[in-house]
């Protein structure tokens, strides 16, 4: 798996996740990327899961924790590009109602206030 972070000129931080979120190393990479945006006070974060192939419960826990951290600060966290298999995890856990999820990156970026 690969986690790539970037900051956009409009003040949105973006984390791209590629491959499966299964092992300790992959989960640690994602946690570190999220923590860096929180530490730098980036109030708008988009996690792009377009290239994520699988998400286990630990990976889901990282996303829930990130959502909680952002929500309690009054910041915004959005997800985009969730494939069919990963979407199933969100549907079964009823987390589609918790997260702001967009099909495409452009849609999510337009939706930040």
PDB file of N, CA and C in Angstrom:
ATOM      1  N   UNK A   1       0.833  -1.176   0.000  1.00  0.00           N
ATOM      2  CA  UNK A   1       0.000   0.000   0.000  1.00  0.00           C
ATOM      3  C   UNK A   1       0.872   1.231   0.000  1.00  0.00           C
ATOM      4  N   UNK A   2       0.315   2.290  -0.450  1.00  0.00           N
ATOM      5  CA  UNK A   2       1.015   3.546  -0.533  1.00  0.00           C
ATOM      6  C   UNK A   2       0.084   4.648  -0.054  1.00  0.00           C
ATOM      7  N   UNK A   3       0.589   5.498   0.812  1.00  0.00           N
ATOM      8  CA  UNK A   3      -0.170   6.657   1.272  1.00  0.00           C
ATOM      9  C   UNK A   3       0.576   7.889   0.785  1.00  0.00           C
ATOM     10  N   UNK A   4      -0.119   8.703   0.013  1.00  0.00           N
ATOM     11  CA  UNK A   4       0.474   9.918  -0.535  1.00  0.00           C
ATOM     12  C   UNK A   4      -0.312  11.108  -0.012  1.00  0.00           C
ATOM     13  N   UNK A   5       0.394  12.090   0.509  1.00  0.00           N
ATOM     14  CA  UNK A   5      -0.249  13.297   1.040  1.00  0.00           C
ATOM     15  C   UNK A   5       0.132  14.500   0.198  1.00  0.00           C
ATOM     16  N   UNK A   6      -0.812  15.413   0.068  1.00  0.00           N
ATOM     17  CA  UNK A   6      -0.534  16.672  -0.603  1.00  0.00           C
ATOM     18  C   UNK A   6      -1.441  17.747  -0.028  1.00  0.00           C
ATOM     19  N   UNK A   7      -1.036  18.980  -0.214  1.00  0.00           N
ATOM     20  CA  UNK A   7      -1.866  20.101   0.192  1.00  0.00           C
ATOM     21  C   UNK A   7      -2.218  20.898  -1.055  1.00  0.00           C
ATOM     22  N   UNK A   8      -3.465  21.254  -1.172  1.00  0.00           N
ATOM     23  CA  UNK A   8      -3.938  21.987  -2.332  1.00  0.00           C
ATOM     24  C   UNK A   8      -3.955  23.482  -2.044  1.00  0.00           C
ATOM     25  N   UNK A   9      -3.835  24.308  -3.064  1.00  0.00           N
ATOM     26  CA  UNK A   9      -3.820  25.762  -2.863  1.00  0.00           C
ATOM     27  C   UNK A   9      -5.088  26.305  -2.192  1.00  0.00           C
ATOM     28  N   UNK A  10      -6.193  25.574  -2.285  1.00  0.00           N
ATOM     29  CA  UNK A  10      -7.442  26.042  -1.684  1.00  0.00           C
ATOM     30  C   UNK A  10      -7.541  25.713  -0.196  1.00  0.00           C
ATOM     31  N   UNK A  11      -6.454  25.207   0.395  1.00  0.00           N
ATOM     32  CA  UNK A  11      -6.438  24.938   1.831  1.00  0.00           C
ATOM     33  C   UNK A  11      -6.964  23.580   2.234  1.00  0.00           C
ATOM     34  N   UNK A  12      -7.068  22.657   1.281  1.00  0.00           N
ATOM     35  CA  UNK A  12      -7.525  21.302   1.583  1.00  0.00           C
ATOM     36  C   UNK A  12      -6.322  20.363   1.560  1.00  0.00           C
ATOM     37  N   UNK A  13      -6.219  19.546   2.599  1.00  0.00           N
ATOM     38  CA  UNK A  13      -5.217  18.493   2.619  1.00  0.00           C
ATOM     39  C   UNK A  13      -5.827  17.244   1.993  1.00  0.00           C
ATOM     40  N   UNK A  14      -5.012  16.502   1.251  1.00  0.00           N
ATOM     41  CA  UNK A  14      -5.497  15.296   0.584  1.00  0.00           C
ATOM     42  C   UNK A  14      -4.571  14.140   0.924  1.00  0.00           C
ATOM     43  N   UNK A  15      -5.187  13.021   1.296  1.00  0.00           N
ATOM     44  CA  UNK A  15      -4.445  11.778   1.502  1.00  0.00           C
ATOM     45  C   UNK A  15      -5.002  10.765   0.506  1.00  0.00           C
ATOM     46  N   UNK A  16      -4.119  10.231  -0.343  1.00  0.00           N
ATOM     47  CA  UNK A  16      -4.500   9.185  -1.281  1.00  0.00           C
ATOM     48  C   UNK A  16      -4.041   7.849  -0.722  1.00  0.00           C
ATOM     49  N   UNK A  17      -4.942   6.887  -0.708  1.00  0.00           N
ATOM     50  CA  UNK A  17      -4.623   5.545  -0.237  1.00  0.00           C
ATOM     51  C   UNK A  17      -4.665   4.605  -1.438  1.00  0.00           C
ATOM     52  N   UNK A  18      -3.598   3.827  -1.625  1.00  0.00           N
ATOM     53  CA  UNK A  18      -3.532   2.878  -2.734  1.00  0.00           C
ATOM     54  C   UNK A  18      -3.266   1.487  -2.190  1.00  0.00           C
ATOM     55  N   UNK A  19      -4.027   0.524  -2.683  1.00  0.00           N
ATOM     56  CA  UNK A  19      -3.853  -0.856  -2.256  1.00  0.00           C
ATOM     57  C   UNK A  19      -4.684  -1.175  -1.027  1.00  0.00           C
ATOM     58  N   UNK A  20      -4.425  -2.327  -0.417  1.00  0.00           N
ATOM     59  CA  UNK A  20      -5.219  -2.753   0.742  1.00  0.00           C
ATOM     60  C   UNK A  20      -4.764  -2.099   2.046  1.00  0.00           C
ATOM     61  N   UNK A  21      -5.715  -1.815   2.919  1.00  0.00           N
ATOM     62  CA  UNK A  21      -5.423  -1.356   4.276  1.00  0.00           C
ATOM     63  C   UNK A  21      -5.581  -2.564   5.191  1.00  0.00           C
ATOM     64  N   UNK A  22      -4.550  -3.363   5.273  1.00  0.00           N
ATOM     65  CA  UNK A  22      -4.623  -4.617   6.027  1.00  0.00           C
ATOM     66  C   UNK A  22      -3.598  -4.726   7.137  1.00  0.00           C
ATOM     67  N   UNK A  23      -2.355  -4.445   6.830  1.00  0.00           N
ATOM     68  CA  UNK A  23      -1.274  -4.702   7.774  1.00  0.00           C
ATOM     69  C   UNK A  23      -0.921  -3.515   8.644  1.00  0.00           C
ATOM     70  N   UNK A  24      -0.094  -3.802   9.633  1.00  0.00           N
ATOM     71  CA  UNK A  24       0.324  -2.770  10.583  1.00  0.00           C
ATOM     72  C   UNK A  24       1.038  -1.612   9.896  1.00  0.00           C
ATOM     73  N   UNK A  25       1.885  -1.914   8.912  1.00  0.00           N
ATOM     74  CA  UNK A  25       2.643  -0.864   8.230  1.00  0.00           C
ATOM     75  C   UNK A  25       1.713   0.077   7.468  1.00  0.00           C
ATOM     76  N   UNK A  26       0.750  -0.485   6.758  1.00  0.00           N
ATOM     77  CA  UNK A  26      -0.177   0.340   5.993  1.00  0.00           C
ATOM     78  C   UNK A  26      -1.026   1.219   6.911  1.00  0.00           C
ATOM     79  N   UNK A  27      -1.505   0.625   7.989  1.00  0.00           N
ATOM     80  CA  UNK A  27      -2.329   1.366   8.947  1.00  0.00           C
ATOM     81  C   UNK A  27      -1.506   2.481   9.590  1.00  0.00           C
ATOM     82  N   UNK A  28      -0.247   2.174   9.931  1.00  0.00           N
ATOM     83  CA  UNK A  28       0.631   3.178  10.540  1.00  0.00           C
ATOM     84  C   UNK A  28       0.886   4.346   9.588  1.00  0.00           C
ATOM     85  N   UNK A  29       1.054   4.060   8.304  1.00  0.00           N
ATOM     86  CA  UNK A  29       1.249   5.124   7.308  1.00  0.00           C
ATOM     87  C   UNK A  29       0.048   6.056   7.265  1.00  0.00           C
ATOM     88  N   UNK A  30      -1.143   5.483   7.265  1.00  0.00           N
ATOM     89  CA  UNK A  30      -2.355   6.293   7.213  1.00  0.00           C
ATOM     90  C   UNK A  30      -2.510   7.113   8.491  1.00  0.00           C
ATOM     91  N   UNK A  31      -2.291   6.489   9.641  1.00  0.00           N
ATOM     92  CA  UNK A  31      -2.374   7.215  10.922  1.00  0.00           C
ATOM     93  C   UNK A  31      -1.419   8.402  10.950  1.00  0.00           C
ATOM     94  N   UNK A  32      -0.191   8.157  10.494  1.00  0.00           N
ATOM     95  CA  UNK A  32       0.833   9.203  10.500  1.00  0.00           C
ATOM     96  C   UNK A  32       0.425  10.357   9.589  1.00  0.00           C
ATOM     97  N   UNK A  33      -0.086  10.049   8.405  1.00  0.00           N
ATOM     98  CA  UNK A  33      -0.495  11.096   7.468  1.00  0.00           C
ATOM     99  C   UNK A  33      -1.616  11.941   8.062  1.00  0.00           C
ATOM    100  N   UNK A  34      -2.595  11.292   8.677  1.00  0.00           N
ATOM    101  CA  UNK A  34      -3.710  12.018   9.295  1.00  0.00           C
ATOM    102  C   UNK A  34      -3.203  12.883  10.449  1.00  0.00           C
ATOM    103  N   UNK A  35      -2.347  12.318  11.292  1.00  0.00           N
ATOM    104  CA  UNK A  35      -1.806  13.054  12.445  1.00  0.00           C
ATOM    105  C   UNK A  35      -1.027  14.284  12.002  1.00  0.00           C
ATOM    106  N   UNK A  36      -0.311  14.183  10.888  1.00  0.00           N
ATOM    107  CA  UNK A  36       0.446  15.333  10.396  1.00  0.00           C
ATOM    108  C   UNK A  36      -0.495  16.474   9.988  1.00  0.00           C
ATOM    109  N   UNK A  37      -1.601  16.150   9.358  1.00  0.00           N
ATOM    110  CA  UNK A  37      -2.562  17.202   8.996  1.00  0.00           C
ATOM    111  C   UNK A  37      -3.198  17.814  10.237  1.00  0.00           C
ATOM    112  N   UNK A  38      -3.492  17.003  11.226  1.00  0.00           N
ATOM    113  CA  UNK A  38      -4.058  17.533  12.473  1.00  0.00           C
ATOM    114  C   UNK A  38      -3.037  18.425  13.176  1.00  0.00           C
ATOM    115  N   UNK A  39      -1.795  17.960  13.264  1.00  0.00           N
ATOM    116  CA  UNK A  39      -0.742  18.737  13.924  1.00  0.00           C
ATOM    117  C   UNK A  39      -0.514  20.081  13.239  1.00  0.00           C
ATOM    118  N   UNK A  40      -0.645  20.113  11.923  1.00  0.00           N
ATOM    119  CA  UNK A  40      -0.430  21.349  11.162  1.00  0.00           C
ATOM    120  C   UNK A  40      -1.704  22.196  11.075  1.00  0.00           C
ATOM    121  N   UNK A  41      -2.768  21.731  11.755  1.00  0.00           N
ATOM    122  CA  UNK A  41      -4.029  22.470  11.836  1.00  0.00           C
ATOM    123  C   UNK A  41      -4.705  22.654  10.478  1.00  0.00           C
ATOM    124  N   UNK A  42      -4.616  21.646   9.622  1.00  0.00           N
ATOM    125  CA  UNK A  42      -5.342  21.676   8.346  1.00  0.00           C
ATOM    126  C   UNK A  42      -6.785  21.329   8.657  1.00  0.00           C
ATOM    127  N   UNK A  43      -7.665  22.267   8.506  1.00  0.00           N
ATOM    128  CA  UNK A  43      -9.051  22.124   8.955  1.00  0.00           C
ATOM    129  C   UNK A  43      -9.947  21.422   7.947  1.00  0.00           C
ATOM    130  N   UNK A  44      -9.434  21.180   6.764  1.00  0.00           N
ATOM    131  CA  UNK A  44     -10.203  20.477   5.741  1.00  0.00           C
ATOM    132  C   UNK A  44      -9.329  19.365   5.170  1.00  0.00           C
ATOM    133  N   UNK A  45      -9.816  18.131   5.309  1.00  0.00           N
ATOM    134  CA  UNK A  45      -9.047  16.969   4.862  1.00  0.00           C
ATOM    135  C   UNK A  45      -9.927  16.058   4.020  1.00  0.00           C
ATOM    136  N   UNK A  46      -9.374  15.647   2.885  1.00  0.00           N
ATOM    137  CA  UNK A  46     -10.032  14.698   2.009  1.00  0.00           C
ATOM    138  C   UNK A  46      -9.191  13.432   1.960  1.00  0.00           C
ATOM    139  N   UNK A  47      -9.816  12.295   2.248  1.00  0.00           N
ATOM    140  CA  UNK A  47      -9.127  11.005   2.116  1.00  0.00           C
ATOM    141  C   UNK A  47      -9.696  10.334   0.880  1.00  0.00           C
ATOM    142  N   UNK A  48      -8.830  10.173  -0.118  1.00  0.00           N
ATOM    143  CA  UNK A  48      -9.211   9.623  -1.415  1.00  0.00           C
ATOM    144  C   UNK A  48      -8.927   8.120  -1.414  1.00  0.00           C
ATOM    145  N   UNK A  49      -9.989   7.334  -1.475  1.00  0.00           N
ATOM    146  CA  UNK A  49      -9.877   5.871  -1.430  1.00  0.00           C
ATOM    147  C   UNK A  49     -10.089   5.229  -2.805  1.00  0.00           C
ATOM    148  N   UNK A  50      -9.943   6.020  -3.864  1.00  0.00           N
ATOM    149  CA  UNK A  50     -10.169   5.518  -5.219  1.00  0.00           C
ATOM    150  C   UNK A  50      -9.329   4.282  -5.515  1.00  0.00           C
ATOM    151  N   UNK A  51      -8.090   4.277  -5.078  1.00  0.00           N
ATOM    152  CA  UNK A  51      -7.181   3.162  -5.360  1.00  0.00           C
ATOM    153  C   UNK A  51      -7.062   2.173  -4.198  1.00  0.00           C
ATOM    154  N   UNK A  52      -7.850   2.360  -3.150  1.00  0.00           N
ATOM    155  CA  UNK A  52      -7.838   1.421  -2.017  1.00  0.00           C
ATOM    156  C   UNK A  52      -8.607   0.166  -2.429  1.00  0.00           C
ATOM    157  N   UNK A  53      -7.987  -0.982  -2.259  1.00  0.00           N
ATOM    158  CA  UNK A  53      -8.615  -2.226  -2.710  1.00  0.00           C
ATOM    159  C   UNK A  53      -9.328  -2.980  -1.600  1.00  0.00           C
ATOM    160  N   UNK A  54      -8.944  -2.757  -0.363  1.00  0.00           N
ATOM    161  CA  UNK A  54      -9.580  -3.449   0.754  1.00  0.00           C
ATOM    162  C   UNK A  54      -9.360  -2.657   2.021  1.00  0.00           C
ATOM    163  N   UNK A  55     -10.316  -2.734   2.920  1.00  0.00           N
ATOM    164  CA  UNK A  55     -10.257  -2.015   4.184  1.00  0.00           C
ATOM    165  C   UNK A  55     -10.710  -2.951   5.292  1.00  0.00           C
ATOM    166  N   UNK A  56      -9.818  -3.251   6.241  1.00  0.00           N
ATOM    167  CA  UNK A  56     -10.221  -4.114   7.351  1.00  0.00           C
ATOM    168  C   UNK A  56     -10.740  -3.266   8.513  1.00  0.00           C
ATOM    169  N   UNK A  57     -11.102  -3.925   9.594  1.00  0.00           N
ATOM    170  CA  UNK A  57     -11.700  -3.211  10.725  1.00  0.00           C
ATOM    171  C   UNK A  57     -10.723  -2.223  11.362  1.00  0.00           C
ATOM    172  N   UNK A  58      -9.440  -2.526  11.353  1.00  0.00           N
ATOM    173  CA  UNK A  58      -8.452  -1.601  11.912  1.00  0.00           C
ATOM    174  C   UNK A  58      -8.372  -0.339  11.059  1.00  0.00           C
ATOM    175  N   UNK A  59      -8.375  -0.521   9.744  1.00  0.00           N
ATOM    176  CA  UNK A  59      -8.375   0.625   8.842  1.00  0.00           C
ATOM    177  C   UNK A  59      -9.620   1.465   9.017  1.00  0.00           C
ATOM    178  N   UNK A  60     -10.742   0.795   9.182  1.00  0.00           N
ATOM    179  CA  UNK A  60     -11.992   1.495   9.417  1.00  0.00           C
ATOM    180  C   UNK A  60     -11.904   2.279  10.725  1.00  0.00           C
ATOM    181  N   UNK A  61     -11.299   1.681  11.740  1.00  0.00           N
ATOM    182  CA  UNK A  61     -11.126   2.363  13.019  1.00  0.00           C
ATOM    183  C   UNK A  61     -10.289   3.624  12.890  1.00  0.00           C
ATOM    184  N   UNK A  62      -9.270   3.599  12.044  1.00  0.00           N
ATOM    185  CA  UNK A  62      -8.438   4.781  11.808  1.00  0.00           C
ATOM    186  C   UNK A  62      -9.280   5.890  11.186  1.00  0.00           C
ATOM    187  N   UNK A  63     -10.120   5.535  10.230  1.00  0.00           N
ATOM    188  CA  UNK A  63     -10.984   6.534   9.590  1.00  0.00           C
ATOM    189  C   UNK A  63     -11.997   7.113  10.575  1.00  0.00           C
ATOM    190  N   UNK A  64     -12.571   6.254  11.411  1.00  0.00           N
ATOM    191  CA  UNK A  64     -13.530   6.724  12.425  1.00  0.00           C
ATOM    192  C   UNK A  64     -12.830   7.657  13.413  1.00  0.00           C
ATOM    193  N   UNK A  65     -11.630   7.292  13.826  1.00  0.00           N
ATOM    194  CA  UNK A  65     -10.862   8.131  14.747  1.00  0.00           C
ATOM    195  C   UNK A  65     -10.547   9.486  14.115  1.00  0.00           C
ATOM    196  N   UNK A  66     -10.171   9.476  12.845  1.00  0.00           N
ATOM    197  CA  UNK A  66      -9.890  10.729  12.138  1.00  0.00           C
ATOM    198  C   UNK A  66     -11.150  11.589  12.070  1.00  0.00           C
ATOM    199  N   UNK A  67     -12.273  10.955  11.763  1.00  0.00           N
ATOM    200  CA  UNK A  67     -13.542  11.690  11.703  1.00  0.00           C
ATOM    201  C   UNK A  67     -13.850  12.316  13.059  1.00  0.00           C
ATOM    202  N   UNK A  68     -13.680  11.561  14.122  1.00  0.00           N
ATOM    203  CA  UNK A  68     -13.937  12.060  15.470  1.00  0.00           C
ATOM    204  C   UNK A  68     -13.024  13.238  15.801  1.00  0.00           C
ATOM    205  N   UNK A  69     -11.739  13.106  15.471  1.00  0.00           N
ATOM    206  CA  UNK A  69     -10.783  14.189  15.744  1.00  0.00           C
ATOM    207  C   UNK A  69     -11.158  15.452  15.000  1.00  0.00           C
ATOM    208  N   UNK A  70     -11.554  15.316  13.756  1.00  0.00           N
ATOM    209  CA  UNK A  70     -11.938  16.484  12.964  1.00  0.00           C
ATOM    210  C   UNK A  70     -13.259  17.075  13.453  1.00  0.00           C
ATOM    211  N   UNK A  71     -14.228  16.237  13.726  1.00  0.00           N
ATOM    212  CA  UNK A  71     -15.549  16.720  14.138  1.00  0.00           C
ATOM    213  C   UNK A  71     -15.484  17.466  15.471  1.00  0.00           C
ATOM    214  N   UNK A  72     -14.712  16.956  16.419  1.00  0.00           N
ATOM    215  CA  UNK A  72     -14.673  17.611  17.730  1.00  0.00           C
ATOM    216  C   UNK A  72     -13.987  18.975  17.675  1.00  0.00           C
ATOM    217  N   UNK A  73     -13.202  19.213  16.634  1.00  0.00           N
ATOM    218  CA  UNK A  73     -12.560  20.515  16.452  1.00  0.00           C
ATOM    219  C   UNK A  73     -13.399  21.449  15.573  1.00  0.00           C
ATOM    220  N   UNK A  74     -14.496  20.924  15.029  1.00  0.00           N
ATOM    221  CA  UNK A  74     -15.312  21.711  14.118  1.00  0.00           C
ATOM    222  C   UNK A  74     -14.725  21.784  12.722  1.00  0.00           C
ATOM    223  N   UNK A  75     -13.820  20.875  12.412  1.00  0.00           N
ATOM    224  CA  UNK A  75     -13.178  20.824  11.110  1.00  0.00           C
ATOM    225  C   UNK A  75     -13.946  19.870  10.200  1.00  0.00           C
ATOM    226  N   UNK A  76     -13.518  19.792   8.936  1.00  0.00           N
ATOM    227  CA  UNK A  76     -14.212  18.953   7.963  1.00  0.00           C
ATOM    228  C   UNK A  76     -13.318  17.829   7.446  1.00  0.00           C
ATOM    229  N   UNK A  77     -13.873  16.630   7.418  1.00  0.00           N
ATOM    230  CA  UNK A  77     -13.216  15.459   6.839  1.00  0.00           C
ATOM    231  C   UNK A  77     -14.189  14.833   5.854  1.00  0.00           C
ATOM    232  N   UNK A  78     -13.705  14.569   4.662  1.00  0.00           N
ATOM    233  CA  UNK A  78     -14.530  13.933   3.638  1.00  0.00           C
ATOM    234  C   UNK A  78     -13.782  12.752   3.051  1.00  0.00           C
ATOM    235  N   UNK A  79     -14.541  11.790   2.541  1.00  0.00           N
ATOM    236  CA  UNK A  79     -13.987  10.631   1.859  1.00  0.00           C
ATOM    237  C   UNK A  79     -14.483  10.647   0.423  1.00  0.00           C
ATOM    238  N   UNK A  80     -13.675  10.108  -0.479  1.00  0.00           N
ATOM    239  CA  UNK A  80     -14.135   9.980  -1.860  1.00  0.00           C
ATOM    240  C   UNK A  80     -13.554   8.718  -2.486  1.00  0.00           C
ATOM    241  N   UNK A  81     -14.177   8.316  -3.593  1.00  0.00           N
ATOM    242  CA  UNK A  81     -13.658   7.223  -4.401  1.00  0.00           C
ATOM    243  C   UNK A  81     -13.774   5.846  -3.781  1.00  0.00           C
ATOM    244  N   UNK A  82     -14.790   5.629  -2.994  1.00  0.00           N
ATOM    245  CA  UNK A  82     -14.930   4.334  -2.329  1.00  0.00           C
ATOM    246  C   UNK A  82     -15.438   3.296  -3.333  1.00  0.00           C
ATOM    247  N   UNK A  83     -14.667   2.223  -3.518  1.00  0.00           N
ATOM    248  CA  UNK A  83     -15.079   1.194  -4.474  1.00  0.00           C
ATOM    249  C   UNK A  83     -16.165   0.308  -3.881  1.00  0.00           C
ATOM    250  N   UNK A  84     -16.685  -0.575  -4.688  1.00  0.00           N
ATOM    251  CA  UNK A  84     -17.825  -1.415  -4.293  1.00  0.00           C
ATOM    252  C   UNK A  84     -17.526  -2.245  -3.037  1.00  0.00           C
ATOM    253  N   UNK A  85     -16.350  -2.861  -2.975  1.00  0.00           N
ATOM    254  CA  UNK A  85     -16.018  -3.717  -1.829  1.00  0.00           C
ATOM    255  C   UNK A  85     -15.877  -2.905  -0.546  1.00  0.00           C
ATOM    256  N   UNK A  86     -15.189  -1.781  -0.630  1.00  0.00           N
ATOM    257  CA  UNK A  86     -15.012  -0.927   0.541  1.00  0.00           C
ATOM    258  C   UNK A  86     -16.356  -0.304   0.939  1.00  0.00           C
ATOM    259  N   UNK A  87     -17.161   0.057  -0.038  1.00  0.00           N
ATOM    260  CA  UNK A  87     -18.486   0.618   0.231  1.00  0.00           C
ATOM    261  C   UNK A  87     -19.343  -0.358   1.025  1.00  0.00           C
ATOM    262  N   UNK A  88     -19.187  -1.637   0.760  1.00  0.00           N
ATOM    263  CA  UNK A  88     -19.941  -2.654   1.487  1.00  0.00           C
ATOM    264  C   UNK A  88     -19.641  -2.580   2.987  1.00  0.00           C
ATOM    265  N   UNK A  89     -18.387  -2.372   3.331  1.00  0.00           N
ATOM    266  CA  UNK A  89     -18.001  -2.237   4.741  1.00  0.00           C
ATOM    267  C   UNK A  89     -18.702  -1.026   5.359  1.00  0.00           C
ATOM    268  N   UNK A  90     -18.735   0.088   4.647  1.00  0.00           N
ATOM    269  CA  UNK A  90     -19.409   1.280   5.144  1.00  0.00           C
ATOM    270  C   UNK A  90     -20.909   1.045   5.295  1.00  0.00           C
ATOM    271  N   UNK A  91     -21.503   0.334   4.353  1.00  0.00           N
ATOM    272  CA  UNK A  91     -22.943   0.078   4.400  1.00  0.00           C
ATOM    273  C   UNK A  91     -23.298  -0.850   5.561  1.00  0.00           C
ATOM    274  N   UNK A  92     -22.540  -1.939   5.720  1.00  0.00           N
ATOM    275  CA  UNK A  92     -22.817  -2.920   6.777  1.00  0.00           C
ATOM    276  C   UNK A  92     -22.659  -2.296   8.164  1.00  0.00           C
ATOM    277  N   UNK A  93     -21.672  -1.425   8.315  1.00  0.00           N
ATOM    278  CA  UNK A  93     -21.421  -0.802   9.616  1.00  0.00           C
ATOM    279  C   UNK A  93     -22.270   0.445   9.835  1.00  0.00           C
ATOM    280  N   UNK A  94     -23.044   0.825   8.837  1.00  0.00           N
ATOM    281  CA  UNK A  94     -23.917   2.003   8.901  1.00  0.00           C
ATOM    282  C   UNK A  94     -23.124   3.312   9.003  1.00  0.00           C
ATOM    283  N   UNK A  95     -21.850   3.277   8.604  1.00  0.00           N
ATOM    284  CA  UNK A  95     -21.013   4.475   8.698  1.00  0.00           C
ATOM    285  C   UNK A  95     -21.201   5.432   7.524  1.00  0.00           C
ATOM    286  N   UNK A  96     -21.959   5.035   6.535  1.00  0.00           N
ATOM    287  CA  UNK A  96     -22.270   5.961   5.429  1.00  0.00           C
ATOM    288  C   UNK A  96     -23.009   7.180   5.960  1.00  0.00           C
ATOM    289  N   UNK A  97     -23.717   7.001   7.063  1.00  0.00           N
ATOM    290  CA  UNK A  97     -24.456   8.114   7.659  1.00  0.00           C
ATOM    291  C   UNK A  97     -23.549   9.032   8.474  1.00  0.00           C
ATOM    292  N   UNK A  98     -22.391   8.538   8.869  1.00  0.00           N
ATOM    293  CA  UNK A  98     -21.465   9.301   9.707  1.00  0.00           C
ATOM    294  C   UNK A  98     -20.533  10.162   8.856  1.00  0.00           C
ATOM    295  N   UNK A  99     -20.002   9.585   7.796  1.00  0.00           N
ATOM    296  CA  UNK A  99     -19.016  10.260   6.956  1.00  0.00           C
ATOM    297  C   UNK A  99     -19.678  11.049   5.830  1.00  0.00           C
ATOM    298  N   UNK A 100     -19.002  12.080   5.396  1.00  0.00           N
ATOM    299  CA  UNK A 100     -19.360  12.791   4.176  1.00  0.00           C
ATOM    300  C   UNK A 100     -18.608  12.087   3.054  1.00  0.00           C
ATOM    301  N   UNK A 101     -19.337  11.315   2.242  1.00  0.00           N
ATOM    302  CA  UNK A 101     -18.729  10.480   1.211  1.00  0.00           C
ATOM    303  C   UNK A 101     -19.164  10.971  -0.163  1.00  0.00           C
ATOM    304  N   UNK A 102     -18.186  11.110  -1.042  1.00  0.00           N
ATOM    305  CA  UNK A 102     -18.433  11.576  -2.403  1.00  0.00           C
ATOM    306  C   UNK A 102     -17.848  10.569  -3.388  1.00  0.00           C
ATOM    307  N   UNK A 103     -18.502  10.463  -4.523  1.00  0.00           N
ATOM    308  CA  UNK A 103     -18.051   9.498  -5.525  1.00  0.00           C
ATOM    309  C   UNK A 103     -16.705   9.892  -6.129  1.00  0.00           C
ATOM    310  N   UNK A 104     -16.545  11.170  -6.441  1.00  0.00           N
ATOM    311  CA  UNK A 104     -15.322  11.642  -7.102  1.00  0.00           C
ATOM    312  C   UNK A 104     -14.646  12.738  -6.288  1.00  0.00           C
ATOM    313  N   UNK A 105     -13.352  12.860  -6.478  1.00  0.00           N
ATOM    314  CA  UNK A 105     -12.561  13.861  -5.761  1.00  0.00           C
ATOM    315  C   UNK A 105     -13.082  15.276  -6.027  1.00  0.00           C
ATOM    316  N   UNK A 106     -13.365  15.589  -7.282  1.00  0.00           N
ATOM    317  CA  UNK A 106     -13.832  16.936  -7.617  1.00  0.00           C
ATOM    318  C   UNK A 106     -15.122  17.290  -6.886  1.00  0.00           C
ATOM    319  N   UNK A 107     -16.032  16.321  -6.786  1.00  0.00           N
ATOM    320  CA  UNK A 107     -17.284  16.565  -6.062  1.00  0.00           C
ATOM    321  C   UNK A 107     -17.005  16.890  -4.600  1.00  0.00           C
ATOM    322  N   UNK A 108     -16.117  16.129  -3.998  1.00  0.00           N
ATOM    323  CA  UNK A 108     -15.797  16.352  -2.585  1.00  0.00           C
ATOM    324  C   UNK A 108     -15.153  17.721  -2.385  1.00  0.00           C
ATOM    325  N   UNK A 109     -14.218  18.080  -3.266  1.00  0.00           N
ATOM    326  CA  UNK A 109     -13.534  19.361  -3.129  1.00  0.00           C
ATOM    327  C   UNK A 109     -14.497  20.533  -3.261  1.00  0.00           C
ATOM    328  N   UNK A 110     -15.466  20.424  -4.150  1.00  0.00           N
ATOM    329  CA  UNK A 110     -16.468  21.481  -4.315  1.00  0.00           C
ATOM    330  C   UNK A 110     -17.374  21.602  -3.092  1.00  0.00           C
ATOM    331  N   UNK A 111     -17.484  20.512  -2.331  1.00  0.00           N
ATOM    332  CA  UNK A 111     -18.424  20.448  -1.222  1.00  0.00           C
ATOM    333  C   UNK A 111     -17.842  20.992   0.097  1.00  0.00           C
ATOM    334  N   UNK A 112     -16.551  21.301   0.131  1.00  0.00           N
ATOM    335  CA  UNK A 112     -15.974  21.901   1.346  1.00  0.00           C
ATOM    336  C   UNK A 112     -16.488  23.319   1.480  1.00  0.00           C
ATOM    337  N   UNK A 113     -16.753  23.726   2.728  1.00  0.00           N
ATOM    338  CA  UNK A 113     -17.206  25.118   2.920  1.00  0.00           C
ATOM    339  C   UNK A 113     -16.010  26.003   3.185  1.00  0.00           C
TER     340      UNK A 113
END
